[in-house]
Amino acid sequence: MPNHVLLSSVEHKDLKVIKDRGAAYGDNQWFALTFPKEFRTVQGYYPIFFHKDQHTGQFFPVALFGFQHQENLFLQHNNWQDLYIPLSVRRQPFLIGQQKVTEDGVEQIHRVLHIDLEHPRVSQTEGEALFLPYGGNSAYLDEMASLMETLHLGMEDGRRFVEQLLALQLLEPFTMEVKLDDGQPRQLVGFYTIHEEKLAALSAEQLAALQQQGYLQAIYMALASQTQVMKLLKLKNQQQKQNEQAA
């Protein structure tokens, strides 16, 4: 069970974080959250679709790593095969929390760094130290704090992006069927994509508004990324062949 706590240089001075990749560290996920300003990089490696949270009804842009639950085709021999790993994956085991602070008699909410003490990356004996032996943050912790701030702002922008897409009715569900080399079918369901006909029908004013917010580029990046499904198919075929040879 997760145990999220405020990171403290006193209570957690000996904590380390394991940076290795593998299913044992929670990397066997078939998609991860992303955000518009990350699309330019993500689209070069992964397909970008939209996922609807069944509990809240909220939509989120995601980078896709596989065709089914707990399948990450980029995770091979406990190594992540592609050069770029989305920030929402890299941030583990850290989270952004909120803390009430009173300054000059005025109560304010500050963002603070939390850590999941039960996450398999957290260790007392191996990995990157979070704090220096004689006090102060390690370079690794400063890097992660900066990453978390970028991720937090990106996710806020992502929510605004999705609001615009929904307001313009630009999201539609889709089903994608592919066939492996051995003839086995694979079906991708439960995701949403950009409705290209409705996008083409937008007025000049609507397109200009999307452009000003940086969202028009994000839309085209998401559409362009769908060619990466062929990479997933290739990786899946390679995995099948390796499994057959090992059998």
C-alpha atoms as a PDB file:
ATOM      1  CA  MET A   1       0.000   0.000   0.000  1.00  0.00           C
ATOM      2  CA  PRO A   2       1.400   3.455  -0.903  1.00  0.00           C
ATOM      3  CA  ASN A   3       2.748   5.563   1.954  1.00  0.00           C
ATOM      4  CA  HIS A   4       3.031   9.174   0.746  1.00  0.00           C
ATOM      5  CA  VAL A   5       4.880  11.489   3.142  1.00  0.00           C
ATOM      6  CA  LEU A   6       6.458  14.924   3.006  1.00  0.00           C
ATOM      7  CA  LEU A   7      10.129  14.515   2.134  1.00  0.00           C
ATOM      8  CA  SER A   8      12.327  15.596   5.033  1.00  0.00           C
ATOM      9  CA  SER A   9      16.110  16.030   5.147  1.00  0.00           C
ATOM     10  CA  VAL A  10      15.994  14.992   8.810  1.00  0.00           C
ATOM     11  CA  GLU A  11      13.688  11.969   8.739  1.00  0.00           C
ATOM     12  CA  HIS A  12      14.848  10.738   5.329  1.00  0.00           C
ATOM     13  CA  LYS A  13      18.517  11.714   5.338  1.00  0.00           C
ATOM     14  CA  ASP A  14      19.619   8.161   4.474  1.00  0.00           C
ATOM     15  CA  LEU A  15      17.053   7.436   1.760  1.00  0.00           C
ATOM     16  CA  LYS A  16      18.162   6.478  -1.725  1.00  0.00           C
ATOM     17  CA  VAL A  17      16.271   5.929  -4.970  1.00  0.00           C
ATOM     18  CA  ILE A  18      17.039   3.049  -7.321  1.00  0.00           C
ATOM     19  CA  LYS A  19      17.209   4.282 -10.930  1.00  0.00           C
ATOM     20  CA  ASP A  20      17.299   0.857 -12.605  1.00  0.00           C
ATOM     21  CA  ARG A  21      14.427  -0.064 -14.911  1.00  0.00           C
ATOM     22  CA  GLY A  22      12.301  -3.190 -14.688  1.00  0.00           C
ATOM     23  CA  ALA A  23       8.902  -4.673 -13.934  1.00  0.00           C
ATOM     24  CA  ALA A  24       9.945  -5.003 -10.294  1.00  0.00           C
ATOM     25  CA  TYR A  25      10.021  -1.204 -10.103  1.00  0.00           C
ATOM     26  CA  GLY A  26       6.605  -0.672 -11.671  1.00  0.00           C
ATOM     27  CA  ASP A  27       7.758  -0.049 -15.236  1.00  0.00           C
ATOM     28  CA  ASN A  28       5.502  -2.751 -16.710  1.00  0.00           C
ATOM     29  CA  GLN A  29       2.721  -0.255 -17.437  1.00  0.00           C
ATOM     30  CA  TRP A  30       1.120  -0.148 -20.853  1.00  0.00           C
ATOM     31  CA  PHE A  31       0.604   3.612 -20.923  1.00  0.00           C
ATOM     32  CA  ALA A  32       1.583   6.709 -18.958  1.00  0.00           C
ATOM     33  CA  LEU A  33       0.323  10.269 -18.678  1.00  0.00           C
ATOM     34  CA  THR A  34       1.833  12.952 -20.850  1.00  0.00           C
ATOM     35  CA  PHE A  35       1.049  16.618 -21.577  1.00  0.00           C
ATOM     36  CA  PRO A  36       1.039  19.011 -24.575  1.00  0.00           C
ATOM     37  CA  LYS A  37       4.512  20.502 -24.083  1.00  0.00           C
ATOM     38  CA  GLU A  38       5.961  17.000 -23.926  1.00  0.00           C
ATOM     39  CA  PHE A  39       4.216  15.885 -27.134  1.00  0.00           C
ATOM     40  CA  ARG A  40       7.018  17.104 -29.421  1.00  0.00           C
ATOM     41  CA  THR A  41       9.446  14.652 -27.838  1.00  0.00           C
ATOM     42  CA  VAL A  42       7.006  11.845 -27.006  1.00  0.00           C
ATOM     43  CA  GLN A  43       5.604  11.624 -30.530  1.00  0.00           C
ATOM     44  CA  GLY A  44       9.017  10.613 -31.824  1.00  0.00           C
ATOM     45  CA  TYR A  45       8.888   7.410 -29.754  1.00  0.00           C
ATOM     46  CA  TYR A  46       5.339   6.498 -28.694  1.00  0.00           C
ATOM     47  CA  PRO A  47       1.743   6.777 -29.943  1.00  0.00           C
ATOM     48  CA  ILE A  48      -0.252   9.474 -28.124  1.00  0.00           C
ATOM     49  CA  PHE A  49      -3.928   8.802 -27.428  1.00  0.00           C
ATOM     50  CA  PHE A  50      -6.445   9.898 -24.802  1.00  0.00           C
ATOM     51  CA  HIS A  51      -7.631   7.787 -21.884  1.00  0.00           C
ATOM     52  CA  LYS A  52     -10.865   8.275 -19.949  1.00  0.00           C
ATOM     53  CA  ASP A  53     -10.706   7.608 -16.219  1.00  0.00           C
ATOM     54  CA  GLN A  54     -13.654   5.316 -15.515  1.00  0.00           C
ATOM     55  CA  HIS A  55     -14.028   6.645 -11.962  1.00  0.00           C
ATOM     56  CA  THR A  56     -13.880  10.402 -12.582  1.00  0.00           C
ATOM     57  CA  GLY A  57     -14.810  10.633 -16.261  1.00  0.00           C
ATOM     58  CA  GLN A  58     -11.758  12.828 -16.874  1.00  0.00           C
ATOM     59  CA  PHE A  59      -9.700  12.515 -20.056  1.00  0.00           C
ATOM     60  CA  PHE A  60      -5.912  12.455 -20.079  1.00  0.00           C
ATOM     61  CA  PRO A  61      -3.395  12.323 -22.933  1.00  0.00           C
ATOM     62  CA  VAL A  62      -1.225   9.225 -22.629  1.00  0.00           C
ATOM     63  CA  ALA A  63       1.839   7.691 -24.266  1.00  0.00           C
ATOM     64  CA  LEU A  64       1.171   4.065 -25.205  1.00  0.00           C
ATOM     65  CA  PHE A  65       3.763   1.341 -24.513  1.00  0.00           C
ATOM     66  CA  GLY A  66       1.840  -1.863 -25.268  1.00  0.00           C
ATOM     67  CA  PHE A  67      -1.422  -3.485 -26.290  1.00  0.00           C
ATOM     68  CA  GLN A  68      -2.635  -4.765 -22.926  1.00  0.00           C
ATOM     69  CA  HIS A  69      -2.461  -4.273 -19.163  1.00  0.00           C
ATOM     70  CA  GLN A  70       1.060  -4.642 -17.691  1.00  0.00           C
ATOM     71  CA  GLU A  71       2.649  -4.911 -21.147  1.00  0.00           C
ATOM     72  CA  ASN A  72       5.504  -2.489 -21.775  1.00  0.00           C
ATOM     73  CA  LEU A  73       7.096  -3.528 -25.057  1.00  0.00           C
ATOM     74  CA  PHE A  74       9.927  -1.034 -24.548  1.00  0.00           C
ATOM     75  CA  LEU A  75      11.006  -2.816 -21.376  1.00  0.00           C
ATOM     76  CA  GLN A  76      13.378  -5.610 -22.423  1.00  0.00           C
ATOM     77  CA  HIS A  77      15.930  -7.397 -20.260  1.00  0.00           C
ATOM     78  CA  ASN A  78      15.198  -4.848 -17.512  1.00  0.00           C
ATOM     79  CA  ASN A  79      16.211  -1.966 -19.755  1.00  0.00           C
ATOM     80  CA  TRP A  80      14.011   0.703 -21.297  1.00  0.00           C
ATOM     81  CA  GLN A  81      14.861   0.441 -24.986  1.00  0.00           C
ATOM     82  CA  ASP A  82      14.045   3.949 -26.185  1.00  0.00           C
ATOM     83  CA  LEU A  83      16.030   7.075 -25.396  1.00  0.00           C
ATOM     84  CA  TYR A  84      13.174   9.124 -23.946  1.00  0.00           C
ATOM     85  CA  ILE A  85      11.097   8.100 -20.937  1.00  0.00           C
ATOM     86  CA  PRO A  86       8.020  10.283 -20.207  1.00  0.00           C
ATOM     87  CA  LEU A  87       8.292  12.471 -17.119  1.00  0.00           C
ATOM     88  CA  SER A  88       5.302  10.812 -15.453  1.00  0.00           C
ATOM     89  CA  VAL A  89       7.320   7.569 -15.439  1.00  0.00           C
ATOM     90  CA  ARG A  90      10.666   9.126 -14.528  1.00  0.00           C
ATOM     91  CA  ARG A  91       9.206  10.935 -11.512  1.00  0.00           C
ATOM     92  CA  GLN A  92       8.641   7.750  -9.491  1.00  0.00           C
ATOM     93  CA  PRO A  93       8.677   7.552  -6.448  1.00  0.00           C
ATOM     94  CA  PHE A  94       8.076  11.304  -6.020  1.00  0.00           C
ATOM     95  CA  LEU A  95       4.813  13.227  -5.906  1.00  0.00           C
ATOM     96  CA  ILE A  96       3.777  16.854  -5.602  1.00  0.00           C
ATOM     97  CA  GLY A  97       1.955  17.714  -2.398  1.00  0.00           C
ATOM     98  CA  GLN A  98       0.536  20.858  -0.857  1.00  0.00           C
ATOM     99  CA  GLN A  99       1.417  22.513   2.418  1.00  0.00           C
ATOM    100  CA  LYS A 100      -0.270  25.432   4.153  1.00  0.00           C
ATOM    101  CA  VAL A 101       2.169  28.180   5.117  1.00  0.00           C
ATOM    102  CA  THR A 102       1.386  31.413   6.937  1.00  0.00           C
ATOM    103  CA  GLU A 103       3.445  34.382   5.742  1.00  0.00           C
ATOM    104  CA  ASP A 104       2.869  37.831   7.268  1.00  0.00           C
ATOM    105  CA  GLY A 105      -0.408  36.592   8.669  1.00  0.00           C
ATOM    106  CA  VAL A 106      -1.627  35.354   5.292  1.00  0.00           C
ATOM    107  CA  GLU A 107      -2.219  31.660   4.755  1.00  0.00           C
ATOM    108  CA  GLN A 108      -0.816  30.371   1.469  1.00  0.00           C
ATOM    109  CA  ILE A 109      -0.570  27.017  -0.236  1.00  0.00           C
ATOM    110  CA  HIS A 110       2.919  25.959  -1.305  1.00  0.00           C
ATOM    111  CA  ARG A 111       3.848  22.987  -3.460  1.00  0.00           C
ATOM    112  CA  VAL A 112       6.152  20.555  -1.686  1.00  0.00           C
ATOM    113  CA  LEU A 113       7.857  17.311  -2.609  1.00  0.00           C
ATOM    114  CA  HIS A 114       6.425  14.050  -1.283  1.00  0.00           C
ATOM    115  CA  ILE A 115       7.801  10.533  -1.590  1.00  0.00           C
ATOM    116  CA  ASP A 116       6.141   7.112  -1.488  1.00  0.00           C
ATOM    117  CA  LEU A 117       8.093   5.227   1.158  1.00  0.00           C
ATOM    118  CA  GLU A 118       6.584   1.906   0.034  1.00  0.00           C
ATOM    119  CA  HIS A 119       7.641   2.294  -3.582  1.00  0.00           C
ATOM    120  CA  PRO A 120      10.081  -0.434  -4.689  1.00  0.00           C
ATOM    121  CA  ARG A 121      12.577   2.211  -5.848  1.00  0.00           C
ATOM    122  CA  VAL A 122      13.029   3.536  -2.306  1.00  0.00           C
ATOM    123  CA  SER A 123      15.991   2.011  -0.481  1.00  0.00           C
ATOM    124  CA  GLN A 124      18.303   2.569   2.450  1.00  0.00           C
ATOM    125  CA  THR A 125      21.234   0.762   0.856  1.00  0.00           C
ATOM    126  CA  GLU A 126      21.356   1.264  -2.932  1.00  0.00           C
ATOM    127  CA  GLY A 127      20.605   3.924  -5.504  1.00  0.00           C
ATOM    128  CA  GLU A 128      20.990   7.688  -5.687  1.00  0.00           C
ATOM    129  CA  ALA A 129      21.218   9.528  -2.375  1.00  0.00           C
ATOM    130  CA  LEU A 130      18.613  12.231  -1.817  1.00  0.00           C
ATOM    131  CA  PHE A 131      20.653  14.277   0.635  1.00  0.00           C
ATOM    132  CA  LEU A 132      24.349  15.054   1.047  1.00  0.00           C
ATOM    133  CA  PRO A 133      26.213  13.522   4.011  1.00  0.00           C
ATOM    134  CA  TYR A 134      26.543  16.878   5.786  1.00  0.00           C
ATOM    135  CA  GLY A 135      23.183  18.337   4.790  1.00  0.00           C
ATOM    136  CA  GLY A 136      21.603  19.803   1.699  1.00  0.00           C
ATOM    137  CA  ASN A 137      19.983  18.297  -1.355  1.00  0.00           C
ATOM    138  CA  SER A 138      21.912  16.026  -3.676  1.00  0.00           C
ATOM    139  CA  ALA A 139      22.154  16.991  -7.351  1.00  0.00           C
ATOM    140  CA  TYR A 140      19.788  14.101  -8.090  1.00  0.00           C
ATOM    141  CA  LEU A 141      17.127  15.437  -5.723  1.00  0.00           C
ATOM    142  CA  ASP A 142      17.396  18.936  -7.210  1.00  0.00           C
ATOM    143  CA  GLU A 143      16.966  17.399 -10.659  1.00  0.00           C
ATOM    144  CA  MET A 144      13.857  15.512  -9.530  1.00  0.00           C
ATOM    145  CA  ALA A 145      12.375  18.601  -7.851  1.00  0.00           C
ATOM    146  CA  SER A 146      12.766  20.497 -11.135  1.00  0.00           C
ATOM    147  CA  LEU A 147      11.239  17.569 -13.044  1.00  0.00           C
ATOM    148  CA  MET A 148       8.257  17.489 -10.677  1.00  0.00           C
ATOM    149  CA  GLU A 149       7.620  21.211 -11.135  1.00  0.00           C
ATOM    150  CA  THR A 150       7.718  20.797 -14.918  1.00  0.00           C
ATOM    151  CA  LEU A 151       5.377  17.822 -14.679  1.00  0.00           C
ATOM    152  CA  HIS A 152       2.960  19.636 -12.361  1.00  0.00           C
ATOM    153  CA  LEU A 153       2.687  22.658 -14.663  1.00  0.00           C
ATOM    154  CA  GLY A 154       2.461  20.385 -17.694  1.00  0.00           C
ATOM    155  CA  MET A 155      -0.417  18.394 -16.219  1.00  0.00           C
ATOM    156  CA  GLU A 156      -2.298  21.602 -15.389  1.00  0.00           C
ATOM    157  CA  ASP A 157      -1.841  22.714 -18.999  1.00  0.00           C
ATOM    158  CA  GLY A 158      -2.951  19.252 -20.103  1.00  0.00           C
ATOM    159  CA  ARG A 159      -6.245  19.646 -18.270  1.00  0.00           C
ATOM    160  CA  ARG A 160      -6.873  22.952 -20.039  1.00  0.00           C
ATOM    161  CA  PHE A 161      -5.955  21.308 -23.343  1.00  0.00           C
ATOM    162  CA  VAL A 162      -8.483  18.518 -22.823  1.00  0.00           C
ATOM    163  CA  GLU A 163     -11.156  21.035 -21.816  1.00  0.00           C
ATOM    164  CA  GLN A 164     -10.658  22.767 -25.169  1.00  0.00           C
ATOM    165  CA  LEU A 165     -10.838  19.479 -27.063  1.00  0.00           C
ATOM    166  CA  LEU A 166     -14.066  18.514 -25.320  1.00  0.00           C
ATOM    167  CA  ALA A 167     -15.602  21.952 -25.843  1.00  0.00           C
ATOM    168  CA  LEU A 168     -14.921  21.617 -29.590  1.00  0.00           C
ATOM    169  CA  GLN A 169     -16.030  17.963 -29.611  1.00  0.00           C
ATOM    170  CA  LEU A 170     -12.657  16.894 -30.976  1.00  0.00           C
ATOM    171  CA  LEU A 171     -12.310  13.602 -29.104  1.00  0.00           C
ATOM    172  CA  GLU A 172     -13.768  10.356 -30.421  1.00  0.00           C
ATOM    173  CA  PRO A 173     -13.430   6.719 -29.301  1.00  0.00           C
ATOM    174  CA  PHE A 174     -11.754   4.320 -31.685  1.00  0.00           C
ATOM    175  CA  THR A 175     -10.908   0.655 -32.086  1.00  0.00           C
ATOM    176  CA  MET A 176      -7.705  -0.410 -33.794  1.00  0.00           C
ATOM    177  CA  GLU A 177      -7.172  -3.957 -35.000  1.00  0.00           C
ATOM    178  CA  VAL A 178      -3.730  -5.263 -35.969  1.00  0.00           C
ATOM    179  CA  LYS A 179      -2.448  -8.717 -36.839  1.00  0.00           C
ATOM    180  CA  LEU A 180       0.826 -10.207 -35.663  1.00  0.00           C
ATOM    181  CA  ASP A 181       3.189 -12.142 -37.919  1.00  0.00           C
ATOM    182  CA  ASP A 182       1.847 -15.431 -36.524  1.00  0.00           C
ATOM    183  CA  GLY A 183      -1.680 -14.413 -37.487  1.00  0.00           C
ATOM    184  CA  GLN A 184      -2.850 -13.574 -33.972  1.00  0.00           C
ATOM    185  CA  PRO A 185      -5.093 -10.481 -33.881  1.00  0.00           C
ATOM    186  CA  ARG A 186      -4.550  -7.638 -31.444  1.00  0.00           C
ATOM    187  CA  GLN A 187      -7.262  -5.117 -30.703  1.00  0.00           C
ATOM    188  CA  LEU A 188      -6.688  -1.726 -29.128  1.00  0.00           C
ATOM    189  CA  VAL A 189      -9.842  -0.461 -27.426  1.00  0.00           C
ATOM    190  CA  GLY A 190     -10.767   1.977 -24.678  1.00  0.00           C
ATOM    191  CA  PHE A 191      -8.859   4.974 -25.985  1.00  0.00           C
ATOM    192  CA  TYR A 192      -9.820   8.183 -27.746  1.00  0.00           C
ATOM    193  CA  THR A 193      -8.215  10.125 -30.553  1.00  0.00           C
ATOM    194  CA  ILE A 194      -8.653  13.425 -32.395  1.00  0.00           C
ATOM    195  CA  HIS A 195     -11.763  13.597 -34.592  1.00  0.00           C
ATOM    196  CA  GLU A 196     -10.094  14.714 -37.817  1.00  0.00           C
ATOM    197  CA  GLU A 197     -13.293  15.639 -39.674  1.00  0.00           C
ATOM    198  CA  LYS A 198     -14.403  17.955 -36.874  1.00  0.00           C
ATOM    199  CA  LEU A 199     -10.893  19.392 -36.682  1.00  0.00           C
ATOM    200  CA  ALA A 200     -11.011  20.197 -40.409  1.00  0.00           C
ATOM    201  CA  ALA A 201     -14.415  21.856 -39.947  1.00  0.00           C
ATOM    202  CA  LEU A 202     -13.264  24.331 -37.279  1.00  0.00           C
ATOM    203  CA  SER A 203     -13.586  28.003 -38.096  1.00  0.00           C
ATOM    204  CA  ALA A 204     -10.569  30.266 -38.612  1.00  0.00           C
ATOM    205  CA  GLU A 205     -11.316  31.891 -35.253  1.00  0.00           C
ATOM    206  CA  GLN A 206     -11.389  28.553 -33.441  1.00  0.00           C
ATOM    207  CA  LEU A 207      -8.142  27.444 -35.080  1.00  0.00           C
ATOM    208  CA  ALA A 208      -6.509  30.761 -34.219  1.00  0.00           C
ATOM    209  CA  ALA A 209      -7.556  30.386 -30.572  1.00  0.00           C
ATOM    210  CA  LEU A 210      -6.023  26.892 -30.438  1.00  0.00           C
ATOM    211  CA  GLN A 211      -2.881  28.191 -32.121  1.00  0.00           C
ATOM    212  CA  GLN A 212      -2.469  31.020 -29.604  1.00  0.00           C
ATOM    213  CA  GLN A 213      -2.609  28.549 -26.733  1.00  0.00           C
ATOM    214  CA  GLY A 214      -0.106  26.225 -28.383  1.00  0.00           C
ATOM    215  CA  TYR A 215      -2.755  23.523 -28.647  1.00  0.00           C
ATOM    216  CA  LEU A 216      -3.025  23.306 -32.426  1.00  0.00           C
ATOM    217  CA  GLN A 217       0.551  22.082 -32.648  1.00  0.00           C
ATOM    218  CA  ALA A 218      -0.153  19.585 -29.853  1.00  0.00           C
ATOM    219  CA  ILE A 219      -3.141  18.245 -31.803  1.00  0.00           C
ATOM    220  CA  TYR A 220      -1.049  17.648 -34.915  1.00  0.00           C
ATOM    221  CA  MET A 221       1.728  16.097 -32.831  1.00  0.00           C
ATOM    222  CA  ALA A 222      -0.777  13.657 -31.333  1.00  0.00           C
ATOM    223  CA  LEU A 223      -2.075  12.749 -34.784  1.00  0.00           C
ATOM    224  CA  ALA A 224       1.435  12.317 -36.192  1.00  0.00           C
ATOM    225  CA  SER A 225       2.404  10.062 -33.292  1.00  0.00           C
ATOM    226  CA  GLN A 226      -0.086   7.393 -34.341  1.00  0.00           C
ATOM    227  CA  THR A 227       2.431   6.069 -36.877  1.00  0.00           C
ATOM    228  CA  GLN A 228       4.340   4.774 -33.828  1.00  0.00           C
ATOM    229  CA  VAL A 229       1.713   2.027 -33.495  1.00  0.00           C
ATOM    230  CA  MET A 230       3.720   0.225 -36.184  1.00  0.00           C
ATOM    231  CA  LYS A 231       6.719   0.318 -33.838  1.00  0.00           C
ATOM    232  CA  LEU A 232       4.600  -1.312 -31.124  1.00  0.00           C
ATOM    233  CA  LEU A 233       3.563  -3.982 -33.606  1.00  0.00           C
ATOM    234  CA  LYS A 234       7.197  -4.607 -34.572  1.00  0.00           C
ATOM    235  CA  LEU A 235       8.238  -4.894 -30.921  1.00  0.00           C
ATOM    236  CA  LYS A 236       5.360  -7.263 -30.221  1.00  0.00           C
ATOM    237  CA  ASN A 237       6.385  -9.509 -33.132  1.00  0.00           C
ATOM    238  CA  GLN A 238       9.978  -9.515 -31.874  1.00  0.00           C
ATOM    239  CA  GLN A 239       8.764 -10.472 -28.399  1.00  0.00           C
ATOM    240  CA  GLN A 240       6.672 -13.330 -29.817  1.00  0.00           C
ATOM    241  CA  LYS A 241       9.653 -14.715 -31.753  1.00  0.00           C
ATOM    242  CA  GLN A 242      11.898 -14.508 -28.694  1.00  0.00           C
ATOM    243  CA  ASN A 243       9.304 -16.362 -26.617  1.00  0.00           C
ATOM    244  CA  GLU A 244       9.024 -19.086 -29.268  1.00  0.00           C
ATOM    245  CA  GLN A 245      12.807 -19.526 -29.403  1.00  0.00           C
ATOM    246  CA  ALA A 246      13.012 -19.717 -25.607  1.00  0.00           C
ATOM    247  CA  ALA A 247      10.236 -22.327 -25.395  1.00  0.00           C
END
